[in-house]
Protein backbone atom coordinates (compact mmCIF):
# COMPACT_ATOMS: atom_id res chain seq x y z
CA UNK A 1 29.99 28.11 16.59
CA UNK A 2 26.97 26.36 17.77
CA UNK A 3 23.67 28.12 17.20
CA UNK A 4 21.53 28.80 20.43
CA UNK A 5 18.35 26.90 18.48
CA UNK A 6 19.90 24.07 17.99
CA UNK A 7 21.84 23.53 21.80
CA UNK A 8 17.76 24.23 22.85
CA UNK A 9 17.03 21.21 20.86
CA UNK A 10 19.96 19.22 21.96
CA UNK A 11 19.21 19.49 25.55
CA UNK A 12 15.71 18.26 25.46
CA UNK A 13 14.93 15.41 27.38
CA UNK A 14 13.18 12.26 26.54
CA UNK A 15 9.86 13.36 27.89
CA UNK A 16 10.12 16.86 26.10
CA UNK A 17 10.53 15.06 22.96
CA UNK A 18 7.98 12.52 23.61
CA UNK A 19 5.69 15.11 24.42
CA UNK A 20 6.48 17.26 21.50
CA UNK A 21 6.28 14.26 19.08
CA UNK A 22 2.72 13.46 20.51
CA UNK A 23 1.47 17.12 20.33
CA UNK A 24 2.76 17.10 16.36
CA UNK A 25 0.98 14.21 15.85
CA UNK A 26 -2.24 15.01 18.01
CA UNK A 27 -2.06 18.09 15.89
CA UNK A 28 -1.75 16.53 12.46
CA UNK A 29 -4.41 13.99 13.14
CA UNK A 30 -7.00 16.39 14.35
CA UNK A 31 -6.39 18.52 11.05
CA UNK A 32 -7.05 15.16 9.42
CA UNK A 33 -10.20 14.71 10.79
CA UNK A 34 -11.61 18.01 10.68
CA UNK A 35 -10.91 17.77 6.60
CA UNK A 36 -12.33 14.61 6.09
CA UNK A 37 -15.57 15.54 8.55
CA UNK A 38 -18.60 15.19 5.89
CA UNK A 39 -16.40 13.94 3.02
CA UNK A 40 -17.57 10.63 1.21
CA UNK A 41 -16.47 7.36 3.19
CA UNK A 42 -16.86 5.06 0.50
CA UNK A 43 -15.12 4.04 -3.04
CA UNK A 44 -16.52 1.40 -5.52
CA UNK A 45 -15.05 -1.44 -3.71
CA UNK A 46 -15.28 -0.20 -0.31
CA UNK A 47 -18.86 -2.33 -0.06
CA UNK A 48 -16.55 -5.34 -0.46
CA UNK A 49 -14.88 -4.91 3.06
CA UNK A 50 -17.72 -4.36 5.57
CA UNK A 51 -20.00 -7.41 4.18
CA UNK A 52 -17.09 -10.46 3.64
CA UNK A 53 -16.38 -10.79 0.11
CA UNK A 54 -14.69 -13.88 -0.52
CA UNK A 55 -12.05 -12.02 -2.68
CA UNK A 56 -10.91 -10.11 0.45
CA UNK A 57 -8.29 -11.21 3.57
CA UNK A 58 -10.29 -11.20 6.74
CA UNK A 59 -8.38 -8.22 8.49
CA UNK A 60 -9.87 -4.77 7.33
CA UNK A 61 -13.54 -6.70 7.38
CA UNK A 62 -12.85 -8.17 11.22
CA UNK A 63 -11.43 -4.53 12.11
CA UNK A 64 -14.93 -3.00 10.52
CA UNK A 65 -17.21 -5.73 12.49
CA UNK A 66 -15.43 -5.11 15.70
CA UNK A 67 -16.31 -1.43 15.32
CA UNK A 68 -19.77 -2.09 14.37
CA UNK A 69 -20.31 -4.22 17.54
CA UNK A 70 -18.43 -1.96 20.09
CA UNK A 71 -19.79 1.57 18.44
CA UNK A 72 -22.90 0.37 16.57
CA UNK A 73 -21.99 2.34 13.84
CA UNK A 74 -19.47 0.99 11.57
CA UNK A 75 -19.03 4.74 10.39
CA UNK A 76 -16.93 5.20 13.27
CA UNK A 77 -14.64 2.78 11.73
CA UNK A 78 -12.79 6.06 9.89
CA UNK A 79 -11.72 7.93 12.83
CA UNK A 80 -10.92 4.80 14.81
CA UNK A 81 -8.12 3.69 12.25
CA UNK A 82 -6.99 7.15 11.54
CA UNK A 83 -6.31 7.22 15.29
CA UNK A 84 -4.91 4.02 15.37
CA UNK A 85 -2.78 5.23 12.80
CA UNK A 86 -1.39 8.22 14.52
CA UNK A 87 -0.84 6.21 17.48
CA UNK A 88 1.50 3.74 15.24
CA UNK A 89 3.37 6.88 13.86
CA UNK A 90 3.81 8.05 17.08
CA UNK A 91 5.34 4.77 18.16
CA UNK A 92 7.56 5.02 15.35
CA UNK A 93 8.97 8.49 15.81
CA UNK A 94 9.92 7.81 19.32
CA UNK A 95 11.31 4.35 18.62
CA UNK A 96 13.61 6.38 16.39
CA UNK A 97 14.38 9.12 18.98
CA UNK A 98 15.21 6.02 21.51
CA UNK A 99 17.57 4.71 18.45
CA UNK A 100 19.24 8.22 17.34
CA UNK A 101 19.24 10.28 20.67
CA UNK A 102 19.01 13.47 18.48
CA UNK A 103 16.28 15.61 19.43
CA UNK A 104 16.10 17.88 16.34
CA UNK A 105 16.37 15.12 14.02
CA UNK A 106 13.49 13.02 16.18
CA UNK A 107 11.22 15.81 15.79
CA UNK A 108 11.70 16.55 11.73
CA UNK A 109 11.78 12.68 11.67
CA UNK A 110 8.13 13.20 13.34
CA UNK A 111 7.32 15.96 11.25
CA UNK A 112 8.00 14.08 7.99
CA UNK A 113 6.15 11.02 8.84
CA UNK A 114 2.92 12.93 9.96
CA UNK A 115 3.16 15.51 6.73
CA UNK A 116 1.89 13.32 4.06
CA UNK A 117 -1.49 14.70 2.89
CA UNK A 118 -2.09 11.98 0.61
CA UNK A 119 -1.64 9.59 3.59
CA UNK A 120 -4.59 11.41 5.70
CA UNK A 121 -6.52 11.73 2.84
CA UNK A 122 -6.68 7.82 2.04
CA UNK A 123 -7.06 7.12 5.75
CA UNK A 124 -10.51 8.93 5.76
CA UNK A 125 -11.99 6.26 3.35
CA UNK A 126 -13.42 2.81 4.19
CA UNK A 127 -10.12 1.30 2.58
CA UNK A 128 -7.13 -0.74 3.89
CA UNK A 129 -4.41 2.24 3.86
CA UNK A 130 -4.63 3.52 7.39
CA UNK A 131 -4.68 -0.23 9.27
CA UNK A 132 -2.22 -1.38 6.74
CA UNK A 133 0.07 1.65 7.00
CA UNK A 134 -0.27 1.47 10.66
CA UNK A 135 1.16 -2.00 10.83
CA UNK A 136 4.11 -1.20 8.46
CA UNK A 137 5.21 1.95 11.11
CA UNK A 138 5.10 -0.52 14.13
CA UNK A 139 7.14 -3.42 12.02
CA UNK A 140 9.70 -0.23 11.52
CA UNK A 141 9.29 0.84 15.25
CA UNK A 142 10.53 -2.70 16.58
CA UNK A 143 12.95 -3.00 13.65
CA UNK A 144 14.90 0.11 15.17
CA UNK A 145 14.81 -1.37 18.65
CA UNK A 146 16.31 -4.61 16.92
CA UNK A 147 19.31 -2.27 15.53
CA UNK A 148 20.28 -1.88 19.34
CA UNK A 149 18.92 -4.98 21.14
CA UNK A 150 18.13 -8.29 18.87
CA UNK A 151 16.11 -11.00 20.73
CA UNK A 152 14.11 -13.35 20.22
CA UNK A 153 10.93 -11.83 21.56
CA UNK A 154 11.44 -8.88 19.31
CA UNK A 155 11.62 -11.09 16.14
CA UNK A 156 8.47 -12.58 17.24
CA UNK A 157 6.80 -8.97 17.64
CA UNK A 158 8.10 -8.81 13.71
CA UNK A 159 6.56 -11.53 12.97
CA UNK A 160 3.38 -10.55 14.64
CA UNK A 161 3.22 -7.04 12.39
CA UNK A 162 3.74 -9.23 9.77
CA UNK A 163 1.20 -11.36 9.99
CA UNK A 164 -1.67 -8.63 10.95
CA UNK A 165 -0.45 -6.33 8.00
CA UNK A 166 -0.43 -9.41 5.78
CA UNK A 167 -3.84 -10.45 6.62
CA UNK A 168 -5.09 -6.49 6.49
CA UNK A 169 -3.15 -6.01 2.85
CA UNK A 170 -1.53 -9.20 1.17
CA UNK A 171 1.30 -7.17 -0.21
CA UNK A 172 2.82 -6.87 3.09
CA UNK A 173 3.76 -10.24 3.05
CA UNK A 174 7.19 -8.83 1.84
CA UNK A 175 7.50 -8.13 5.61
CA UNK A 176 8.29 -11.58 6.22
CA UNK A 177 11.03 -11.53 3.77
CA UNK A 178 12.41 -8.69 5.55
CA UNK A 179 12.18 -9.83 8.84
CA UNK A 180 13.73 -13.20 7.66
CA UNK A 181 16.81 -11.10 5.87
CA UNK A 182 17.45 -9.04 8.73
CA UNK A 183 17.49 -12.16 10.77
CA UNK A 184 19.87 -13.96 8.63
CA UNK A 185 22.47 -11.06 8.79
CA UNK A 186 22.26 -10.24 12.13
CA UNK A 187 20.98 -13.22 14.26
CA UNK A 188 23.36 -16.32 15.68
CA UNK A 189 23.91 -18.90 13.51
CA UNK A 190 22.98 -21.36 16.37
CA UNK A 191 19.27 -19.84 16.43
CA UNK A 192 18.59 -18.84 12.92
CA UNK A 193 16.51 -22.63 12.21
CA UNK A 194 14.04 -21.35 15.24
CA UNK A 195 13.87 -18.20 14.24
CA UNK A 196 13.11 -19.10 10.50
CA UNK A 197 10.85 -21.94 11.83
CA UNK A 198 9.03 -18.41 13.59
CA UNK A 199 8.59 -16.68 10.47
CA UNK A 200 7.18 -19.56 8.30
CA UNK A 201 4.58 -20.06 11.06
CA UNK A 202 3.64 -16.49 10.94
CA UNK A 203 3.36 -16.79 7.21
CA UNK A 204 1.21 -20.19 7.61
CA UNK A 205 -1.14 -18.21 10.06
CA UNK A 206 -1.71 -15.05 7.73
CA UNK A 207 -2.44 -17.96 4.75
CA UNK A 208 -5.12 -19.67 6.93
CA UNK A 209 -6.55 -16.88 8.32
CA UNK A 210 -9.25 -15.76 5.96
CA UNK A 211 -10.22 -19.10 5.09
CA UNK A 212 -10.66 -20.06 8.95
CA UNK A 213 -12.57 -16.76 9.34
CA UNK A 214 -14.99 -16.82 6.91
CA UNK A 215 -15.66 -20.55 7.83
CA UNK A 216 -16.27 -19.34 11.33
CA UNK A 217 -18.58 -16.37 10.28
CA UNK A 218 -20.57 -18.44 6.87
CA UNK A 219 -20.01 -22.11 7.14
CA UNK A 220 -17.68 -22.18 4.63
CA UNK A 221 -13.92 -21.56 3.74
CA UNK A 222 -14.42 -20.68 0.47
CA UNK A 223 -12.20 -17.60 -1.13
CA UNK A 224 -10.92 -16.02 -4.05
CA UNK A 225 -8.63 -13.38 -5.15
CA UNK A 226 -8.56 -9.87 -6.91
CA UNK A 227 -5.05 -11.74 -8.60
CA UNK A 228 -6.56 -12.19 -11.66
CA UNK A 229 -8.70 -9.05 -12.13
CA UNK A 230 -5.46 -6.99 -11.40
CA UNK A 231 -3.14 -9.50 -14.07
CA UNK A 232 -6.04 -8.85 -16.62
CA UNK A 233 -5.78 -4.99 -16.30
CA UNK A 234 -2.36 -5.36 -17.51
CA UNK A 235 -2.95 -7.45 -20.76
CA UNK A 236 -6.17 -4.90 -21.40
CA UNK A 237 -3.41 -2.87 -23.36
CA UNK A 238 -1.36 -5.67 -25.11
CA UNK A 239 -2.60 -7.38 -28.35
CA UNK A 240 -3.75 -10.77 -28.00
CA UNK A 241 -2.76 -11.48 -31.61
CA UNK A 242 -4.76 -14.39 -32.73
CA UNK A 243 -4.81 -16.13 -29.19
CA UNK A 244 -8.45 -15.19 -28.38
CA UNK A 245 -10.17 -19.04 -28.08
CA UNK A 246 -13.46 -18.48 -26.37
CA UNK A 247 -16.35 -16.34 -25.92
CA UNK A 248 -15.53 -14.89 -22.63
CA UNK A 249 -11.83 -14.09 -24.24
CA UNK A 250 -13.45 -12.39 -27.56
CA UNK A 251 -15.64 -10.31 -25.46
CA UNK A 252 -12.71 -8.64 -23.48
CA UNK A 253 -10.74 -8.05 -26.54
CA UNK A 254 -13.97 -6.46 -28.60
CA UNK A 255 -14.21 -3.98 -25.74
CA UNK A 256 -10.13 -3.77 -25.09
CA UNK A 257 -9.34 -3.36 -28.37
CA UNK A 258 -10.59 0.07 -29.49
CA UNK A 259 -9.78 1.18 -25.81
CA UNK A 260 -5.93 0.08 -26.97
CA UNK A 261 -6.14 1.97 -29.89
CA UNK A 262 -7.35 5.06 -28.65
CA UNK A 263 -4.68 4.94 -25.73
CA UNK A 264 -1.78 4.11 -27.93
CA UNK A 265 -2.15 7.81 -29.76
CA UNK A 266 -1.75 9.22 -26.38
CA UNK A 267 1.80 11.39 -25.44
CA UNK A 268 3.91 8.95 -23.38
CA UNK A 269 3.56 11.57 -20.24
CA UNK A 270 -0.09 10.79 -19.97
CA UNK A 271 -0.15 7.40 -20.97
CA UNK A 272 -0.24 5.99 -17.73
CA UNK A 273 -3.08 7.97 -16.57
CA UNK A 274 -5.11 7.11 -19.70
CA UNK A 275 -4.49 3.42 -18.81
CA UNK A 276 -5.51 3.75 -14.78
CA UNK A 277 -8.62 5.45 -15.76
CA UNK A 278 -9.68 3.14 -18.58
CA UNK A 279 -9.07 0.11 -16.87
CA UNK A 280 -11.47 0.61 -13.75
CA UNK A 281 -13.91 1.41 -16.47
CA UNK A 282 -12.98 -1.95 -18.15
CA UNK A 283 -13.05 -4.44 -15.59
CA UNK A 284 -15.45 -2.77 -12.84
CA UNK A 285 -17.87 -1.14 -15.27
CA UNK A 286 -18.22 -3.47 -17.93
CA UNK A 287 -16.30 -6.73 -18.07
CA UNK A 288 -16.76 -8.41 -14.61
CA UNK A 289 -20.34 -7.35 -14.23
CA UNK A 290 -20.69 -8.61 -18.15
CA UNK A 291 -19.01 -11.95 -17.85
CA UNK A 292 -21.12 -12.17 -14.48
CA UNK A 293 -24.52 -11.55 -16.46
CA UNK A 294 -23.67 -13.93 -19.14
CA UNK A 295 -22.87 -16.79 -16.61
CA UNK A 296 -25.86 -16.07 -14.41
CA UNK A 297 -23.48 -15.30 -11.43
CA UNK A 298 -24.52 -13.21 -8.37
CA UNK A 299 -21.35 -11.31 -7.70
CA UNK A 300 -18.15 -10.28 -9.07
CA UNK A 301 -15.79 -12.38 -7.34
CA UNK A 302 -17.48 -15.44 -8.69
CA UNK A 303 -16.10 -14.25 -12.25
CA UNK A 304 -12.75 -14.52 -10.55
CA UNK A 305 -12.00 -18.13 -12.32
CA UNK A 306 -13.52 -16.47 -15.57
CA UNK A 307 -11.18 -14.05 -15.79
CA UNK A 308 -8.34 -15.94 -14.40
CA UNK A 309 -8.54 -18.07 -17.55
CA UNK A 310 -8.89 -15.03 -19.66
CA UNK A 311 -5.88 -13.34 -17.85
CA UNK A 312 -3.43 -16.33 -18.35
CA UNK A 313 -4.30 -16.64 -21.68
CA UNK A 314 -3.30 -13.20 -22.58
CA UNK A 315 -0.48 -13.87 -20.65
CA UNK A 316 0.37 -16.78 -22.46
CA UNK A 317 0.17 -14.72 -26.00
CA UNK A 318 2.36 -11.51 -25.11
CA UNK A 319 4.46 -12.24 -22.10
CA UNK A 320 6.51 -9.31 -23.10
CA UNK A 321 4.12 -6.64 -23.13
CA UNK A 322 3.02 -8.00 -19.56
CA UNK A 323 6.29 -8.12 -18.03
CA UNK A 324 7.08 -4.54 -19.52
CA UNK A 325 3.68 -3.39 -18.25
CA UNK A 326 4.79 -4.67 -14.42
CA UNK A 327 8.41 -3.25 -14.50
CA UNK A 328 7.09 -0.13 -15.48
CA UNK A 329 4.37 0.15 -12.60
CA UNK A 330 7.08 -1.16 -10.21
CA UNK A 331 9.23 2.08 -11.33
CA UNK A 332 6.27 4.56 -11.39
CA UNK A 333 5.59 3.68 -7.69
CA UNK A 334 8.93 3.23 -6.60
CA UNK A 335 9.92 6.31 -7.92
CA UNK A 336 6.30 7.96 -7.01
CA UNK A 337 5.37 8.97 -10.57
CA UNK A 338 1.87 7.94 -9.96
CA UNK A 339 0.94 11.33 -8.48
CA UNK A 340 -1.22 13.60 -10.96
CA UNK A 341 0.34 17.35 -11.29
CA UNK A 342 -1.43 19.90 -12.26
CA UNK A 343 0.66 20.22 -15.50
CA UNK A 344 -0.35 16.40 -16.62
CA UNK A 345 -4.05 17.11 -15.72
CA UNK A 346 -3.91 20.00 -18.01
CA UNK A 347 -2.49 18.05 -20.56
CA UNK A 348 -5.19 15.11 -20.45
CA UNK A 349 -7.52 17.85 -21.13
CA UNK A 350 -5.61 19.15 -24.05
CA UNK A 351 -5.63 15.48 -25.22
CA UNK A 352 -8.79 14.96 -24.74
CA UNK A 353 -10.59 17.99 -26.42
CA UNK A 354 -8.49 17.06 -29.71
CA UNK A 355 -9.02 13.25 -29.41
CA UNK A 356 -12.55 12.59 -28.12
CA UNK A 357 -12.44 9.36 -25.97
CA UNK A 358 -13.40 6.12 -26.37
CA UNK A 359 -16.66 5.65 -24.47
CA UNK A 360 -16.80 1.86 -22.57
CA UNK A 361 -20.20 0.73 -22.13
CA UNK A 362 -21.73 0.38 -19.01
CA UNK A 363 -22.95 -2.86 -17.71
CA UNK A 364 -25.33 -2.87 -14.40
CA UNK A 365 -24.04 -4.42 -11.25
CA UNK A 366 -24.61 -8.11 -10.23
CA UNK A 367 -26.92 -8.69 -7.83
CA UNK A 368 -24.91 -9.29 -4.52
CA UNK A 369 -23.02 -6.37 -5.61
CA UNK A 370 -25.64 -4.17 -6.11
CA UNK A 371 -27.58 -4.97 -2.78
CA UNK A 372 -24.00 -4.70 -1.10
CA UNK A 373 -23.30 -1.46 -2.15
CA UNK A 374 -27.40 0.03 -1.44
CA UNK A 375 -26.70 -1.38 2.20
CA UNK A 376 -23.29 0.09 2.45
CA UNK A 377 -24.55 3.75 1.54
CA UNK A 378 -27.80 3.07 3.86
CA UNK A 379 -25.31 2.02 6.68
CA UNK A 380 -23.12 4.64 5.95
CA UNK A 381 -25.10 7.55 5.16
CA UNK A 382 -23.36 8.00 1.69
CA UNK A 383 -24.61 7.92 -2.03
CA UNK A 384 -24.41 4.43 -3.65
CA UNK A 385 -20.57 3.98 -4.58
CA UNK A 386 -22.09 2.48 -8.17
CA UNK A 387 -19.14 2.49 -11.18
CA UNK A 388 -19.12 5.98 -12.53
CA UNK A 389 -20.57 6.12 -15.94
CA UNK A 390 -18.83 6.20 -18.91
CA UNK A 391 -18.26 9.89 -19.77
CA UNK A 392 -17.44 10.78 -15.75
CA UNK A 393 -13.35 9.97 -15.72
CA UNK A 394 -12.41 12.50 -18.09
CA UNK A 395 -13.27 15.06 -15.82
CA UNK A 396 -9.64 15.23 -15.00
CA UNK A 397 -9.04 16.90 -11.91
CA UNK A 398 -5.67 18.13 -10.00
CA UNK A 399 -4.25 16.00 -7.90
CA UNK A 400 -1.39 17.36 -6.15
CA UNK A 401 0.79 21.00 -5.95
CA UNK A 402 4.02 20.19 -8.40
CA UNK A 403 6.17 21.29 -5.62
CA UNK A 404 4.99 18.75 -2.82
CA UNK A 405 5.10 15.95 -5.79
CA UNK A 406 8.65 16.72 -6.71
CA UNK A 407 9.59 16.40 -3.17
CA UNK A 408 7.92 12.95 -2.58
CA UNK A 409 9.56 11.70 -5.78
CA UNK A 410 13.08 12.70 -4.23
CA UNK A 411 12.05 11.33 -0.90
CA UNK A 412 10.77 8.10 -2.86
CA UNK A 413 13.60 7.58 -5.33
CA UNK A 414 15.83 8.11 -2.26
CA UNK A 415 14.58 5.50 -0.24
CA UNK A 416 14.62 3.22 -3.10
CA UNK A 417 18.12 3.53 -3.93
CA UNK A 418 19.11 3.39 -0.34
CA UNK A 419 17.27 0.32 -0.05
CA UNK A 420 19.04 -1.59 -3.06
CA UNK A 421 22.29 -0.40 -1.81
CA UNK A 422 21.81 -1.66 1.50
CA UNK A 423 20.74 -5.27 0.12
CA UNK A 424 24.00 -5.30 -2.20
CA UNK A 425 25.97 -4.03 0.95
CA UNK A 426 25.16 -7.18 2.76
CA UNK A 427 27.03 -9.42 0.04
CA UNK A 428 30.30 -7.75 0.94
CA UNK A 429 30.01 -7.45 5.20
CA UNK A 430 33.49 -7.92 5.70
CA UNK A 431 34.09 -4.45 3.99
CA UNK A 432 31.80 -2.70 6.57
CA UNK A 433 33.10 -1.81 10.22
CA UNK A 434 31.32 -4.46 12.23
CA UNK A 435 29.91 -1.09 14.69
CA UNK A 436 27.50 -0.29 11.90
CA UNK A 437 26.67 -3.40 10.67
CA UNK A 438 23.49 -3.93 12.19
CA UNK A 439 22.41 -0.56 10.95
CA UNK A 440 23.33 -1.57 7.38
CA UNK A 441 21.13 -4.83 8.09
CA UNK A 442 18.17 -3.22 9.15
CA UNK A 443 18.21 -0.46 6.02
CA UNK A 444 18.63 -3.71 3.46
CA UNK A 445 15.57 -5.15 5.58
CA UNK A 446 13.74 -1.86 5.22
CA UNK A 447 14.78 -1.78 1.25
CA UNK A 448 13.51 -5.58 1.20
CA UNK A 449 9.93 -4.11 2.61
CA UNK A 450 9.96 -1.09 0.06
CA UNK A 451 10.94 -3.04 -3.11
CA UNK A 452 8.95 -6.62 -2.11
CA UNK A 453 5.58 -4.61 -1.56
CA UNK A 454 5.80 -2.20 -4.45
CA UNK A 455 6.89 -4.99 -6.55
CA UNK A 456 3.90 -7.38 -5.54
CA UNK A 457 1.70 -4.69 -6.23
CA UNK A 458 3.24 -4.02 -9.60
CA UNK A 459 2.15 -7.32 -10.57
CA UNK A 460 -1.44 -7.07 -10.24
CA UNK A 461 -1.66 -3.03 -10.68
CA UNK A 462 -1.28 -0.72 -12.72
CA UNK A 463 0.02 2.32 -9.75
CA UNK A 464 -2.56 4.45 -8.10
CA UNK A 465 -1.06 6.96 -5.77
CA UNK A 466 -2.97 5.12 -2.86
CA UNK A 467 -0.86 1.75 -3.10
CA UNK A 468 1.92 4.20 -2.26
CA UNK A 469 0.52 4.68 1.37
CA UNK A 470 1.85 1.81 3.41
CA UNK A 471 5.45 2.17 2.19
CA UNK A 472 5.66 5.71 3.70
CA UNK A 473 6.53 4.63 6.97
CA UNK A 474 9.39 2.67 5.72
CA UNK A 475 10.84 5.43 3.60
CA UNK A 476 11.05 7.66 6.50
CA UNK A 477 12.72 5.13 8.38
CA UNK A 478 15.26 4.14 5.82
CA UNK A 479 15.98 7.86 4.94
CA UNK A 480 16.24 8.66 8.79
CA UNK A 481 18.74 5.82 9.56
CA UNK A 482 20.54 7.40 6.53
CA UNK A 483 20.46 10.88 7.66
CA UNK A 484 22.28 9.86 11.11
CA UNK A 485 25.25 8.37 9.74
CA UNK A 486 27.04 11.71 9.40
CA UNK A 487 26.89 12.33 13.15
CA UNK A 488 29.55 9.44 14.35
CA UNK A 489 29.30 6.12 16.41
CA UNK A 490 26.99 7.54 19.09
CA UNK A 491 24.03 6.52 17.11
CA UNK A 492 24.98 2.68 17.23
CA UNK A 493 25.51 2.68 20.66
CA UNK A 494 23.17 0.51 22.98
CA UNK A 495 20.14 2.06 24.37
CA UNK A 496 20.63 1.32 28.00
CA UNK A 497 16.80 2.08 28.53
CA UNK A 498 16.04 -1.23 26.15
CA UNK A 499 16.08 -4.49 27.34
């Protein structure tokens, strides 16, 4: 027996579905903009973007410069980037409807896409997440079109989304791998070589975009990378044994050792949170500015070669500890174990009340970093985003309701498992019905994108909630395709409206 509501939804034509999706998305955007009004747009690393810090890829700084040029006020970047994100999410939702032809599922899919409070909250900051998530959403939207109508021009669009995404956020380089995997699975044998050349050219373009952009703006192609700082944070909680060779390494270990000993006394369920708190304080509040001062440097990015040498020594001294830390960070992000619930926050408060935390000395910002922070504060009309004083990180706040965290963890974990199983399914192609093959290949590509982005991030990060935001469109798309399975072969038929 058919329910009247379900029948009504099933009779919605494309125009009404698109209108409903657009209204849902516009409402979500309006609510997000309202909540963001008056909030602080800056975080401690925000000033590195508008003033072309050589350690940043060129994509987001170029976007900020464009907004400043067009509007005269770079603070307009936040509503602009949130609007672009909403448009990309609507594009993905519409592509899902064109793929599924199930109005009720399409509306549910759109509600899921726009229903992440964390995504909208992080998108209201001068950070890369909003644009990176928009690029991932557009890549997913194009992949859905390719499931019904694979084409060379479609592949070019996938590569274009990967290029733009990578120059905004380097971890999105995983989209190139995912695109190549999809093409190898569904592309014609005769055209694979040319397709791989296009993908390789896209990767090269993303690689050279930053030095070329810096050269055009500054007259010098000098670049750096936050890679070493990221690797260092994993090693701060690993004992280097006797492998401390020089004054810089000794300085790092002298300050990391008491923190490590304190953190090791904490219960396992709060250990990751304490590591994340102390990692920021050690690296950005002390180690980077102090080493810069010792070596008479102007900016934190100039310490990267020093940090890289120290981090390399620490990894070599205890490689298994580093590997375990990376794997743990990967698992936490893949299963959304990075969010702090009220219960975890209370346990942290109880622990630090019973065990007074080790205080990390605070070093003053290096000259250029301080100038950029003050300049950003003036331009955005916000307080200077200086590193927090040592006592502040332990004002632990509740992050998200437990129910929301549990639901999100279930969604992330399901997508992680589906992605892995789909990649495995490529190895047993003869056992899969031909009509479903494109969808299996698409889910495998999404799985490669999901795990690739998270793995790249885990190599250099302990895992913060914001690093999971660009993965959200992949999670929704993976689950959306999987849910369509029980509805039969109609979902895999070609859409006559597609070229």
